[in-house]
Amino acid sequence: MSHSETDRPQPAGDEAYAASVITVSDRCSRGEREDASGPALVGLLVKRGYRVVSMSVVPDERPQIEAAIKEAAAGDVALVLTTGGTGFSPRDVTPEATCAVCERMAPGIPEAMRAASMAITPHACLSRETAGILGRTLVVNLPGSPKAACENISAVIGPIAHGLRILRGGPADCAAEAARPGGARG
C-alpha cells in the first residue's frame, strides 16, 4: 500500500467512525502532568475524518484500564486508542489489560507500527503495544509520548479504516476493493 493511500481520510460518503481515546498515566490521572498524547491523537483522528466521542485519563491500574476499554466498546465506538503503559516499567500494564478484554487479537497492527517506528528509533522494539477486537470495536495501544503515539497510529491508520469497514459489517471482499481505482491493496 502506498503512503498516499494510507494518508487518505475516510471516504466522504461514509459516516464517520466513532472513536475514543484513553490516556493511561498515573501522573496525568493525579493532575501532576497535563495530558499531551490524548489531545494529539484526538486532533489526528479528527483530521482523518473520525468522530471522537470521548477522551479519558486513567491511572496505570489494570482494572481501571479494562473498565475504560469496556465502557468505550459498550458505547459502540469503532476504534479505541490507548496511549501510555506500553513500556517495560512494572506499572506498564496496558497490553495486559487490552488482552484481558479483547475477544480476538490483531497482531499485524502493532507489528506494522513497530516496524515503521524502527526507522525512526531503535527503541521502538521495546514497545509492548498490542491490538485486539472487542465486539465491533478495534482497540489499539500506542506509546505514551505524543510524537510516538501519532507516528505509530499514522503508520496503520489507512489499513485500520479498511479493517473497521469489515468489522462494522461492510463488504469483506478485499480483492474487489483492490481492483477499484484507488482501492486498498490486499
N, C-alpha and C. Protein backbone atom coordinates (compact mmCIF):
# COMPACT_ATOMS: atom_id res chain seq x y z
N MET A 1 0.85 -1.17 0.00
CA MET A 1 0.00 0.00 0.00
C MET A 1 0.89 1.23 0.00
N SER A 2 0.61 2.17 -0.87
CA SER A 2 1.45 3.35 -0.95
C SER A 2 1.15 4.30 0.20
N HIS A 3 2.13 5.16 0.50
CA HIS A 3 1.96 6.12 1.58
C HIS A 3 0.74 7.00 1.34
N SER A 4 0.50 7.41 0.07
CA SER A 4 -0.63 8.30 -0.21
C SER A 4 -1.96 7.62 0.07
N GLU A 5 -2.03 6.30 -0.12
CA GLU A 5 -3.27 5.59 0.18
C GLU A 5 -3.53 5.55 1.67
N THR A 6 -2.51 5.45 2.49
CA THR A 6 -2.72 5.37 3.93
C THR A 6 -3.01 6.74 4.52
N ASP A 7 -2.73 7.81 3.78
CA ASP A 7 -2.96 9.15 4.29
C ASP A 7 -4.36 9.68 3.97
N ARG A 8 -5.11 8.96 3.15
CA ARG A 8 -6.44 9.44 2.78
C ARG A 8 -7.38 9.40 3.97
N PRO A 9 -8.21 10.45 4.14
CA PRO A 9 -9.23 10.37 5.18
C PRO A 9 -10.31 9.36 4.78
N GLN A 10 -11.21 9.10 5.71
CA GLN A 10 -12.33 8.23 5.39
C GLN A 10 -13.07 8.81 4.19
N PRO A 11 -13.63 7.96 3.30
CA PRO A 11 -14.38 8.48 2.18
C PRO A 11 -15.51 9.39 2.64
N ALA A 12 -15.74 10.47 1.90
CA ALA A 12 -16.73 11.47 2.29
C ALA A 12 -18.13 10.89 2.41
N GLY A 13 -18.45 9.89 1.61
CA GLY A 13 -19.79 9.32 1.64
C GLY A 13 -20.04 8.43 2.85
N ASP A 14 -19.00 7.99 3.51
CA ASP A 14 -19.15 7.11 4.67
C ASP A 14 -19.44 7.94 5.91
N GLU A 15 -20.26 7.37 6.79
CA GLU A 15 -20.46 8.01 8.08
C GLU A 15 -19.15 7.91 8.85
N ALA A 16 -18.77 8.97 9.53
CA ALA A 16 -17.52 8.97 10.28
C ALA A 16 -17.58 7.92 11.38
N TYR A 17 -16.49 7.18 11.53
CA TYR A 17 -16.41 6.21 12.60
C TYR A 17 -16.24 6.93 13.93
N ALA A 18 -16.94 6.43 14.95
CA ALA A 18 -16.79 6.97 16.29
C ALA A 18 -15.53 6.39 16.91
N ALA A 19 -14.81 7.22 17.64
CA ALA A 19 -13.57 6.79 18.28
C ALA A 19 -13.49 7.34 19.69
N SER A 20 -12.76 6.62 20.54
CA SER A 20 -12.47 7.05 21.89
C SER A 20 -10.96 7.00 22.11
N VAL A 21 -10.46 7.93 22.91
CA VAL A 21 -9.04 7.97 23.24
C VAL A 21 -8.91 7.86 24.75
N ILE A 22 -8.09 6.91 25.19
CA ILE A 22 -7.86 6.70 26.62
C ILE A 22 -6.38 6.89 26.91
N THR A 23 -6.06 7.87 27.74
CA THR A 23 -4.68 8.08 28.17
C THR A 23 -4.47 7.31 29.47
N VAL A 24 -3.42 6.50 29.49
CA VAL A 24 -3.09 5.71 30.68
C VAL A 24 -1.83 6.32 31.29
N SER A 25 -2.01 6.98 32.43
CA SER A 25 -0.89 7.66 33.08
C SER A 25 -1.22 7.96 34.53
N ASP A 26 -0.37 7.48 35.42
CA ASP A 26 -0.56 7.79 36.84
C ASP A 26 -0.50 9.29 37.07
N ARG A 27 0.54 9.93 36.52
CA ARG A 27 0.74 11.37 36.77
C ARG A 27 -0.38 12.22 36.18
N CYS A 28 -0.81 11.91 34.98
CA CYS A 28 -1.91 12.68 34.38
C CYS A 28 -3.20 12.47 35.16
N SER A 29 -3.44 11.24 35.61
CA SER A 29 -4.68 10.96 36.35
C SER A 29 -4.71 11.67 37.70
N ARG A 30 -3.53 11.95 38.25
CA ARG A 30 -3.45 12.68 39.53
C ARG A 30 -3.37 14.19 39.33
N GLY A 31 -3.33 14.64 38.09
CA GLY A 31 -3.24 16.07 37.81
C GLY A 31 -1.85 16.64 37.96
N GLU A 32 -0.84 15.78 38.02
CA GLU A 32 0.55 16.23 38.18
C GLU A 32 1.19 16.60 36.85
N ARG A 33 0.60 16.15 35.76
CA ARG A 33 1.11 16.46 34.43
C ARG A 33 -0.08 16.59 33.49
N GLU A 34 0.02 17.52 32.57
CA GLU A 34 -1.04 17.70 31.58
C GLU A 34 -0.94 16.60 30.53
N ASP A 35 -2.07 16.08 30.12
CA ASP A 35 -2.12 15.05 29.08
C ASP A 35 -1.87 15.72 27.73
N ALA A 36 -0.79 15.35 27.07
CA ALA A 36 -0.50 15.87 25.74
C ALA A 36 -0.81 14.83 24.66
N SER A 37 -0.69 13.55 24.99
CA SER A 37 -0.88 12.49 24.00
C SER A 37 -2.34 12.35 23.58
N GLY A 38 -3.24 12.36 24.54
CA GLY A 38 -4.67 12.24 24.22
C GLY A 38 -5.14 13.31 23.25
N PRO A 39 -4.91 14.59 23.56
CA PRO A 39 -5.31 15.65 22.62
C PRO A 39 -4.62 15.54 21.26
N ALA A 40 -3.36 15.12 21.23
CA ALA A 40 -2.66 14.96 19.94
C ALA A 40 -3.35 13.90 19.10
N LEU A 41 -3.74 12.79 19.72
CA LEU A 41 -4.43 11.73 18.99
C LEU A 41 -5.82 12.16 18.55
N VAL A 42 -6.51 12.91 19.39
CA VAL A 42 -7.83 13.42 19.01
C VAL A 42 -7.70 14.28 17.76
N GLY A 43 -6.73 15.18 17.74
CA GLY A 43 -6.51 16.03 16.57
C GLY A 43 -6.22 15.23 15.32
N LEU A 44 -5.38 14.20 15.45
CA LEU A 44 -5.07 13.35 14.31
C LEU A 44 -6.31 12.63 13.81
N LEU A 45 -7.09 12.07 14.72
CA LEU A 45 -8.30 11.34 14.33
C LEU A 45 -9.31 12.25 13.64
N VAL A 46 -9.53 13.42 14.19
CA VAL A 46 -10.48 14.37 13.60
C VAL A 46 -10.03 14.75 12.19
N LYS A 47 -8.75 15.00 12.04
CA LYS A 47 -8.19 15.34 10.73
C LYS A 47 -8.41 14.20 9.72
N ARG A 48 -8.41 12.97 10.21
CA ARG A 48 -8.60 11.80 9.36
C ARG A 48 -10.08 11.45 9.14
N GLY A 49 -10.98 12.24 9.72
CA GLY A 49 -12.40 12.03 9.48
C GLY A 49 -13.14 11.23 10.54
N TYR A 50 -12.48 10.94 11.65
CA TYR A 50 -13.15 10.21 12.73
C TYR A 50 -13.92 11.18 13.60
N ARG A 51 -14.95 10.68 14.26
CA ARG A 51 -15.76 11.45 15.21
C ARG A 51 -15.36 10.99 16.60
N VAL A 52 -14.58 11.79 17.31
CA VAL A 52 -14.11 11.42 18.64
C VAL A 52 -15.21 11.74 19.65
N VAL A 53 -15.72 10.69 20.30
CA VAL A 53 -16.86 10.86 21.21
C VAL A 53 -16.45 10.92 22.67
N SER A 54 -15.22 10.48 22.97
CA SER A 54 -14.77 10.58 24.36
C SER A 54 -13.25 10.55 24.43
N MET A 55 -12.77 11.22 25.46
CA MET A 55 -11.34 11.21 25.78
C MET A 55 -11.27 11.12 27.30
N SER A 56 -10.52 10.14 27.79
CA SER A 56 -10.44 9.97 29.23
C SER A 56 -9.00 9.69 29.66
N VAL A 57 -8.77 9.85 30.95
CA VAL A 57 -7.46 9.59 31.55
C VAL A 57 -7.68 8.63 32.71
N VAL A 58 -6.91 7.55 32.72
CA VAL A 58 -6.98 6.58 33.82
C VAL A 58 -5.56 6.31 34.31
N PRO A 59 -5.44 5.90 35.58
CA PRO A 59 -4.11 5.55 36.09
C PRO A 59 -3.65 4.21 35.53
N ASP A 60 -2.38 3.90 35.73
CA ASP A 60 -1.80 2.63 35.31
C ASP A 60 -2.26 1.50 36.25
N GLU A 61 -3.54 1.28 36.27
CA GLU A 61 -4.16 0.23 37.08
C GLU A 61 -4.96 -0.65 36.15
N ARG A 62 -4.60 -1.91 36.06
CA ARG A 62 -5.22 -2.81 35.10
C ARG A 62 -6.76 -2.82 35.17
N PRO A 63 -7.38 -2.92 36.36
CA PRO A 63 -8.85 -2.93 36.39
C PRO A 63 -9.47 -1.65 35.80
N GLN A 64 -8.85 -0.51 36.03
CA GLN A 64 -9.39 0.75 35.52
C GLN A 64 -9.18 0.86 34.01
N ILE A 65 -8.06 0.35 33.50
CA ILE A 65 -7.83 0.35 32.05
C ILE A 65 -8.85 -0.57 31.39
N GLU A 66 -9.03 -1.77 31.94
CA GLU A 66 -10.00 -2.71 31.39
C GLU A 66 -11.39 -2.10 31.38
N ALA A 67 -11.79 -1.46 32.48
CA ALA A 67 -13.12 -0.85 32.58
C ALA A 67 -13.29 0.26 31.54
N ALA A 68 -12.27 1.07 31.34
CA ALA A 68 -12.37 2.17 30.37
C ALA A 68 -12.51 1.63 28.95
N ILE A 69 -11.77 0.58 28.62
CA ILE A 69 -11.89 -0.02 27.28
C ILE A 69 -13.28 -0.61 27.10
N LYS A 70 -13.76 -1.36 28.10
CA LYS A 70 -15.08 -1.99 28.01
C LYS A 70 -16.19 -0.94 27.91
N GLU A 71 -16.04 0.16 28.64
CA GLU A 71 -17.04 1.22 28.59
C GLU A 71 -17.10 1.85 27.21
N ALA A 72 -15.95 2.09 26.61
CA ALA A 72 -15.92 2.67 25.26
C ALA A 72 -16.56 1.71 24.26
N ALA A 73 -16.21 0.43 24.35
CA ALA A 73 -16.78 -0.56 23.43
C ALA A 73 -18.29 -0.70 23.63
N ALA A 74 -18.75 -0.59 24.87
CA ALA A 74 -20.19 -0.67 25.16
C ALA A 74 -20.94 0.50 24.51
N GLY A 75 -20.24 1.60 24.29
CA GLY A 75 -20.82 2.75 23.59
C GLY A 75 -20.80 2.59 22.08
N ASP A 76 -20.39 1.43 21.60
CA ASP A 76 -20.36 1.06 20.19
C ASP A 76 -19.44 1.96 19.36
N VAL A 77 -18.32 2.39 19.95
CA VAL A 77 -17.35 3.10 19.13
C VAL A 77 -16.63 2.09 18.25
N ALA A 78 -16.19 2.52 17.10
CA ALA A 78 -15.49 1.63 16.17
C ALA A 78 -14.04 1.45 16.59
N LEU A 79 -13.43 2.49 17.15
CA LEU A 79 -12.00 2.48 17.43
C LEU A 79 -11.72 3.06 18.80
N VAL A 80 -10.92 2.34 19.58
CA VAL A 80 -10.40 2.85 20.86
C VAL A 80 -8.89 2.90 20.74
N LEU A 81 -8.32 4.07 20.96
CA LEU A 81 -6.88 4.22 21.02
C LEU A 81 -6.49 4.45 22.47
N THR A 82 -5.56 3.65 22.97
CA THR A 82 -4.99 3.92 24.28
C THR A 82 -3.59 4.47 24.06
N THR A 83 -3.17 5.34 24.94
CA THR A 83 -1.82 5.90 24.85
C THR A 83 -1.18 5.82 26.24
N GLY A 84 -0.03 5.17 26.30
CA GLY A 84 0.68 5.01 27.56
C GLY A 84 0.59 3.59 28.10
N GLY A 85 1.54 3.28 28.96
CA GLY A 85 1.54 1.98 29.64
C GLY A 85 2.01 0.82 28.80
N THR A 86 2.80 1.09 27.75
CA THR A 86 3.23 0.01 26.85
C THR A 86 4.72 -0.32 26.98
N GLY A 87 5.38 0.26 27.96
CA GLY A 87 6.82 0.06 28.10
C GLY A 87 7.18 -1.06 29.06
N PHE A 88 8.36 -0.97 29.64
CA PHE A 88 8.90 -2.02 30.50
C PHE A 88 8.73 -1.75 31.99
N SER A 89 8.20 -0.58 32.35
CA SER A 89 8.01 -0.28 33.76
C SER A 89 7.06 -1.31 34.38
N PRO A 90 7.27 -1.66 35.65
CA PRO A 90 6.35 -2.60 36.30
C PRO A 90 4.90 -2.13 36.29
N ARG A 91 4.67 -0.82 36.20
CA ARG A 91 3.30 -0.27 36.18
C ARG A 91 2.71 -0.24 34.77
N ASP A 92 3.48 -0.53 33.74
CA ASP A 92 3.00 -0.52 32.36
C ASP A 92 2.23 -1.81 32.08
N VAL A 93 0.90 -1.72 32.21
CA VAL A 93 0.06 -2.92 32.08
C VAL A 93 -1.04 -2.76 31.04
N THR A 94 -0.94 -1.75 30.18
CA THR A 94 -1.98 -1.54 29.18
C THR A 94 -2.12 -2.74 28.23
N PRO A 95 -1.04 -3.34 27.74
CA PRO A 95 -1.23 -4.51 26.86
C PRO A 95 -1.93 -5.68 27.57
N GLU A 96 -1.59 -5.89 28.82
CA GLU A 96 -2.24 -6.97 29.56
C GLU A 96 -3.73 -6.69 29.75
N ALA A 97 -4.07 -5.44 30.05
CA ALA A 97 -5.49 -5.08 30.19
C ALA A 97 -6.23 -5.24 28.87
N THR A 98 -5.58 -4.86 27.79
CA THR A 98 -6.19 -4.98 26.47
C THR A 98 -6.42 -6.44 26.11
N CYS A 99 -5.43 -7.27 26.32
CA CYS A 99 -5.57 -8.70 26.03
C CYS A 99 -6.67 -9.34 26.87
N ALA A 100 -6.82 -8.88 28.11
CA ALA A 100 -7.82 -9.46 29.01
C ALA A 100 -9.25 -9.19 28.53
N VAL A 101 -9.48 -8.06 27.86
CA VAL A 101 -10.85 -7.72 27.47
C VAL A 101 -11.16 -8.04 26.00
N CYS A 102 -10.15 -8.19 25.17
CA CYS A 102 -10.40 -8.43 23.75
C CYS A 102 -10.72 -9.90 23.49
N GLU A 103 -11.61 -10.11 22.53
CA GLU A 103 -12.03 -11.46 22.15
C GLU A 103 -11.10 -12.07 21.10
N ARG A 104 -10.54 -11.21 20.24
CA ARG A 104 -9.61 -11.65 19.20
C ARG A 104 -8.50 -10.61 19.11
N MET A 105 -7.29 -11.08 18.89
CA MET A 105 -6.16 -10.17 18.78
C MET A 105 -5.88 -9.86 17.31
N ALA A 106 -5.27 -8.71 17.07
CA ALA A 106 -4.91 -8.26 15.72
C ALA A 106 -3.41 -7.95 15.72
N PRO A 107 -2.57 -8.97 15.73
CA PRO A 107 -1.12 -8.76 15.91
C PRO A 107 -0.44 -8.00 14.79
N GLY A 108 -1.00 -7.99 13.59
CA GLY A 108 -0.36 -7.29 12.49
C GLY A 108 -0.28 -5.78 12.69
N ILE A 109 -1.24 -5.23 13.42
CA ILE A 109 -1.26 -3.77 13.63
C ILE A 109 -0.04 -3.33 14.46
N PRO A 110 0.19 -3.89 15.65
CA PRO A 110 1.38 -3.45 16.39
C PRO A 110 2.68 -3.86 15.71
N GLU A 111 2.67 -4.98 14.99
CA GLU A 111 3.88 -5.37 14.25
C GLU A 111 4.23 -4.29 13.22
N ALA A 112 3.22 -3.82 12.48
CA ALA A 112 3.46 -2.78 11.47
C ALA A 112 3.89 -1.47 12.12
N MET A 113 3.29 -1.13 13.26
CA MET A 113 3.67 0.11 13.94
C MET A 113 5.12 0.05 14.41
N ARG A 114 5.51 -1.07 15.00
CA ARG A 114 6.90 -1.21 15.46
C ARG A 114 7.87 -1.18 14.29
N ALA A 115 7.51 -1.84 13.20
CA ALA A 115 8.40 -1.85 12.02
C ALA A 115 8.59 -0.43 11.49
N ALA A 116 7.51 0.33 11.38
CA ALA A 116 7.61 1.71 10.89
C ALA A 116 8.41 2.56 11.87
N SER A 117 8.18 2.35 13.15
CA SER A 117 8.86 3.14 14.17
C SER A 117 10.34 2.83 14.27
N MET A 118 10.74 1.62 13.91
CA MET A 118 12.17 1.25 13.94
C MET A 118 12.98 2.11 12.97
N ALA A 119 12.34 2.64 11.94
CA ALA A 119 13.04 3.54 11.02
C ALA A 119 13.33 4.89 11.67
N ILE A 120 12.66 5.16 12.78
CA ILE A 120 12.81 6.44 13.48
C ILE A 120 13.71 6.29 14.71
N THR A 121 13.51 5.19 15.46
CA THR A 121 14.30 4.98 16.67
C THR A 121 14.49 3.49 16.92
N PRO A 122 15.69 3.09 17.32
CA PRO A 122 15.90 1.67 17.63
C PRO A 122 15.14 1.24 18.89
N HIS A 123 14.70 2.19 19.69
CA HIS A 123 13.96 1.86 20.91
C HIS A 123 12.55 1.37 20.61
N ALA A 124 12.10 1.48 19.37
CA ALA A 124 10.75 1.04 19.01
C ALA A 124 10.53 -0.43 19.33
N CYS A 125 11.58 -1.21 19.25
CA CYS A 125 11.45 -2.65 19.51
C CYS A 125 11.10 -2.94 20.97
N LEU A 126 11.21 -1.94 21.83
CA LEU A 126 10.90 -2.12 23.24
C LEU A 126 9.42 -1.89 23.56
N SER A 127 8.65 -1.41 22.58
CA SER A 127 7.24 -1.17 22.82
C SER A 127 6.47 -2.48 22.87
N ARG A 128 5.58 -2.59 23.84
CA ARG A 128 4.78 -3.80 24.01
C ARG A 128 3.34 -3.60 23.56
N GLU A 129 3.10 -2.58 22.75
CA GLU A 129 1.73 -2.28 22.32
C GLU A 129 1.10 -3.50 21.66
N THR A 130 -0.21 -3.57 21.77
CA THR A 130 -0.98 -4.67 21.18
C THR A 130 -2.26 -4.10 20.59
N ALA A 131 -3.01 -4.93 19.90
CA ALA A 131 -4.29 -4.53 19.33
C ALA A 131 -5.21 -5.73 19.33
N GLY A 132 -6.49 -5.47 19.51
CA GLY A 132 -7.46 -6.55 19.51
C GLY A 132 -8.86 -6.05 19.27
N ILE A 133 -9.78 -7.00 19.18
CA ILE A 133 -11.17 -6.72 18.86
C ILE A 133 -12.04 -7.09 20.04
N LEU A 134 -12.91 -6.19 20.43
CA LEU A 134 -13.91 -6.40 21.48
C LEU A 134 -15.25 -6.09 20.86
N GLY A 135 -16.01 -7.11 20.54
CA GLY A 135 -17.29 -6.92 19.85
C GLY A 135 -17.05 -6.34 18.47
N ARG A 136 -17.58 -5.14 18.23
CA ARG A 136 -17.41 -4.44 16.95
C ARG A 136 -16.40 -3.29 17.08
N THR A 137 -15.57 -3.35 18.11
CA THR A 137 -14.62 -2.28 18.41
C THR A 137 -13.18 -2.78 18.28
N LEU A 138 -12.37 -2.02 17.58
CA LEU A 138 -10.94 -2.29 17.49
C LEU A 138 -10.23 -1.46 18.54
N VAL A 139 -9.38 -2.11 19.34
CA VAL A 139 -8.62 -1.44 20.39
C VAL A 139 -7.14 -1.49 20.00
N VAL A 140 -6.49 -0.32 19.99
CA VAL A 140 -5.09 -0.23 19.60
C VAL A 140 -4.32 0.51 20.69
N ASN A 141 -3.27 -0.14 21.21
CA ASN A 141 -2.39 0.50 22.19
C ASN A 141 -1.32 1.30 21.46
N LEU A 142 -0.98 2.45 22.03
CA LEU A 142 0.06 3.32 21.47
C LEU A 142 1.00 3.76 22.59
N PRO A 143 2.22 4.16 22.23
CA PRO A 143 3.15 4.67 23.24
C PRO A 143 2.59 5.92 23.93
N GLY A 144 3.21 6.29 25.03
CA GLY A 144 2.72 7.41 25.81
C GLY A 144 3.18 8.78 25.35
N SER A 145 4.23 8.87 24.56
CA SER A 145 4.67 10.19 24.10
C SER A 145 3.79 10.64 22.93
N PRO A 146 3.43 11.93 22.88
CA PRO A 146 2.58 12.40 21.78
C PRO A 146 3.19 12.12 20.41
N LYS A 147 4.49 12.36 20.27
CA LYS A 147 5.17 12.16 18.99
C LYS A 147 5.10 10.69 18.58
N ALA A 148 5.48 9.79 19.49
CA ALA A 148 5.48 8.36 19.17
C ALA A 148 4.07 7.84 18.93
N ALA A 149 3.10 8.30 19.71
CA ALA A 149 1.72 7.84 19.54
C ALA A 149 1.21 8.21 18.15
N CYS A 150 1.44 9.46 17.74
CA CYS A 150 0.97 9.92 16.42
C CYS A 150 1.73 9.23 15.28
N GLU A 151 3.03 9.05 15.45
CA GLU A 151 3.81 8.35 14.41
C GLU A 151 3.32 6.91 14.25
N ASN A 152 3.07 6.25 15.36
CA ASN A 152 2.65 4.85 15.31
C ASN A 152 1.28 4.70 14.66
N ILE A 153 0.31 5.48 15.08
CA ILE A 153 -1.03 5.31 14.51
C ILE A 153 -1.05 5.76 13.05
N SER A 154 -0.24 6.75 12.70
CA SER A 154 -0.19 7.20 11.30
C SER A 154 0.30 6.09 10.37
N ALA A 155 1.13 5.20 10.89
CA ALA A 155 1.66 4.11 10.07
C ALA A 155 0.60 3.08 9.68
N VAL A 156 -0.51 3.04 10.43
CA VAL A 156 -1.52 2.00 10.20
C VAL A 156 -2.94 2.53 10.02
N ILE A 157 -3.12 3.83 10.03
CA ILE A 157 -4.47 4.38 10.01
C ILE A 157 -5.24 4.02 8.73
N GLY A 158 -4.56 3.92 7.59
CA GLY A 158 -5.24 3.52 6.36
C GLY A 158 -5.73 2.09 6.43
N PRO A 159 -4.87 1.13 6.72
CA PRO A 159 -5.35 -0.24 6.87
C PRO A 159 -6.40 -0.40 7.97
N ILE A 160 -6.29 0.37 9.05
CA ILE A 160 -7.29 0.30 10.11
C ILE A 160 -8.67 0.68 9.58
N ALA A 161 -8.75 1.72 8.75
CA ALA A 161 -10.05 2.11 8.18
C ALA A 161 -10.66 0.97 7.39
N HIS A 162 -9.83 0.27 6.63
CA HIS A 162 -10.31 -0.89 5.87
C HIS A 162 -10.81 -1.98 6.83
N GLY A 163 -10.05 -2.25 7.87
CA GLY A 163 -10.46 -3.25 8.86
C GLY A 163 -11.75 -2.86 9.56
N LEU A 164 -11.91 -1.58 9.85
CA LEU A 164 -13.14 -1.13 10.52
C LEU A 164 -14.35 -1.31 9.62
N ARG A 165 -14.20 -1.07 8.32
CA ARG A 165 -15.32 -1.29 7.40
C ARG A 165 -15.80 -2.74 7.49
N ILE A 166 -14.86 -3.66 7.52
CA ILE A 166 -15.21 -5.08 7.62
C ILE A 166 -15.80 -5.39 9.00
N LEU A 167 -15.14 -4.93 10.05
CA LEU A 167 -15.58 -5.19 11.42
C LEU A 167 -16.98 -4.65 11.67
N ARG A 168 -17.30 -3.52 11.06
CA ARG A 168 -18.59 -2.88 11.28
C ARG A 168 -19.66 -3.38 10.31
N GLY A 169 -19.35 -4.44 9.54
CA GLY A 169 -20.36 -5.07 8.71
C GLY A 169 -20.32 -4.71 7.24
N GLY A 170 -19.27 -4.04 6.81
CA GLY A 170 -19.14 -3.68 5.40
C GLY A 170 -18.68 -4.87 4.57
N PRO A 171 -18.49 -4.66 3.28
CA PRO A 171 -18.06 -5.76 2.42
C PRO A 171 -16.67 -6.26 2.82
N ALA A 172 -16.52 -7.58 2.74
CA ALA A 172 -15.25 -8.19 3.12
C ALA A 172 -14.48 -8.70 1.92
N ASP A 173 -14.83 -8.21 0.74
CA ASP A 173 -14.18 -8.67 -0.48
C ASP A 173 -12.99 -7.76 -0.79
N CYS A 174 -11.85 -8.09 -0.22
CA CYS A 174 -10.65 -7.27 -0.39
C CYS A 174 -10.18 -7.24 -1.84
N ALA A 175 -10.35 -8.35 -2.56
CA ALA A 175 -9.90 -8.41 -3.95
C ALA A 175 -10.71 -7.44 -4.82
N ALA A 176 -12.01 -7.38 -4.60
CA ALA A 176 -12.85 -6.46 -5.39
C ALA A 176 -12.50 -5.01 -5.06
N GLU A 177 -12.23 -4.73 -3.81
CA GLU A 177 -11.88 -3.37 -3.41
C GLU A 177 -10.55 -2.96 -4.01
N ALA A 178 -9.59 -3.89 -4.05
CA ALA A 178 -8.27 -3.60 -4.61
C ALA A 178 -8.35 -3.34 -6.11
N ALA A 179 -9.34 -3.92 -6.76
CA ALA A 179 -9.49 -3.75 -8.21
C ALA A 179 -10.03 -2.37 -8.57
N ARG A 180 -10.72 -1.70 -7.63
CA ARG A 180 -11.23 -0.36 -7.90
C ARG A 180 -10.08 0.63 -7.95
N PRO A 181 -10.19 1.67 -8.79
CA PRO A 181 -9.14 2.71 -8.78
C PRO A 181 -9.04 3.31 -7.38
N GLY A 182 -7.82 3.33 -6.86
CA GLY A 182 -7.59 3.90 -5.52
C GLY A 182 -7.99 2.98 -4.40
N GLY A 183 -8.42 1.73 -4.71
CA GLY A 183 -8.84 0.80 -3.68
C GLY A 183 -7.67 0.28 -2.86
N ALA A 184 -8.01 -0.30 -1.73
CA ALA A 184 -6.97 -0.85 -0.84
C ALA A 184 -6.31 -2.04 -1.52
N ARG A 185 -5.10 -2.28 -1.17
CA ARG A 185 -4.35 -3.43 -1.70
C ARG A 185 -4.33 -4.52 -0.63
N GLY A 186 -4.76 -5.72 -1.04
CA GLY A 186 -4.64 -6.88 -0.14
C GLY A 186 -5.36 -6.74 1.07
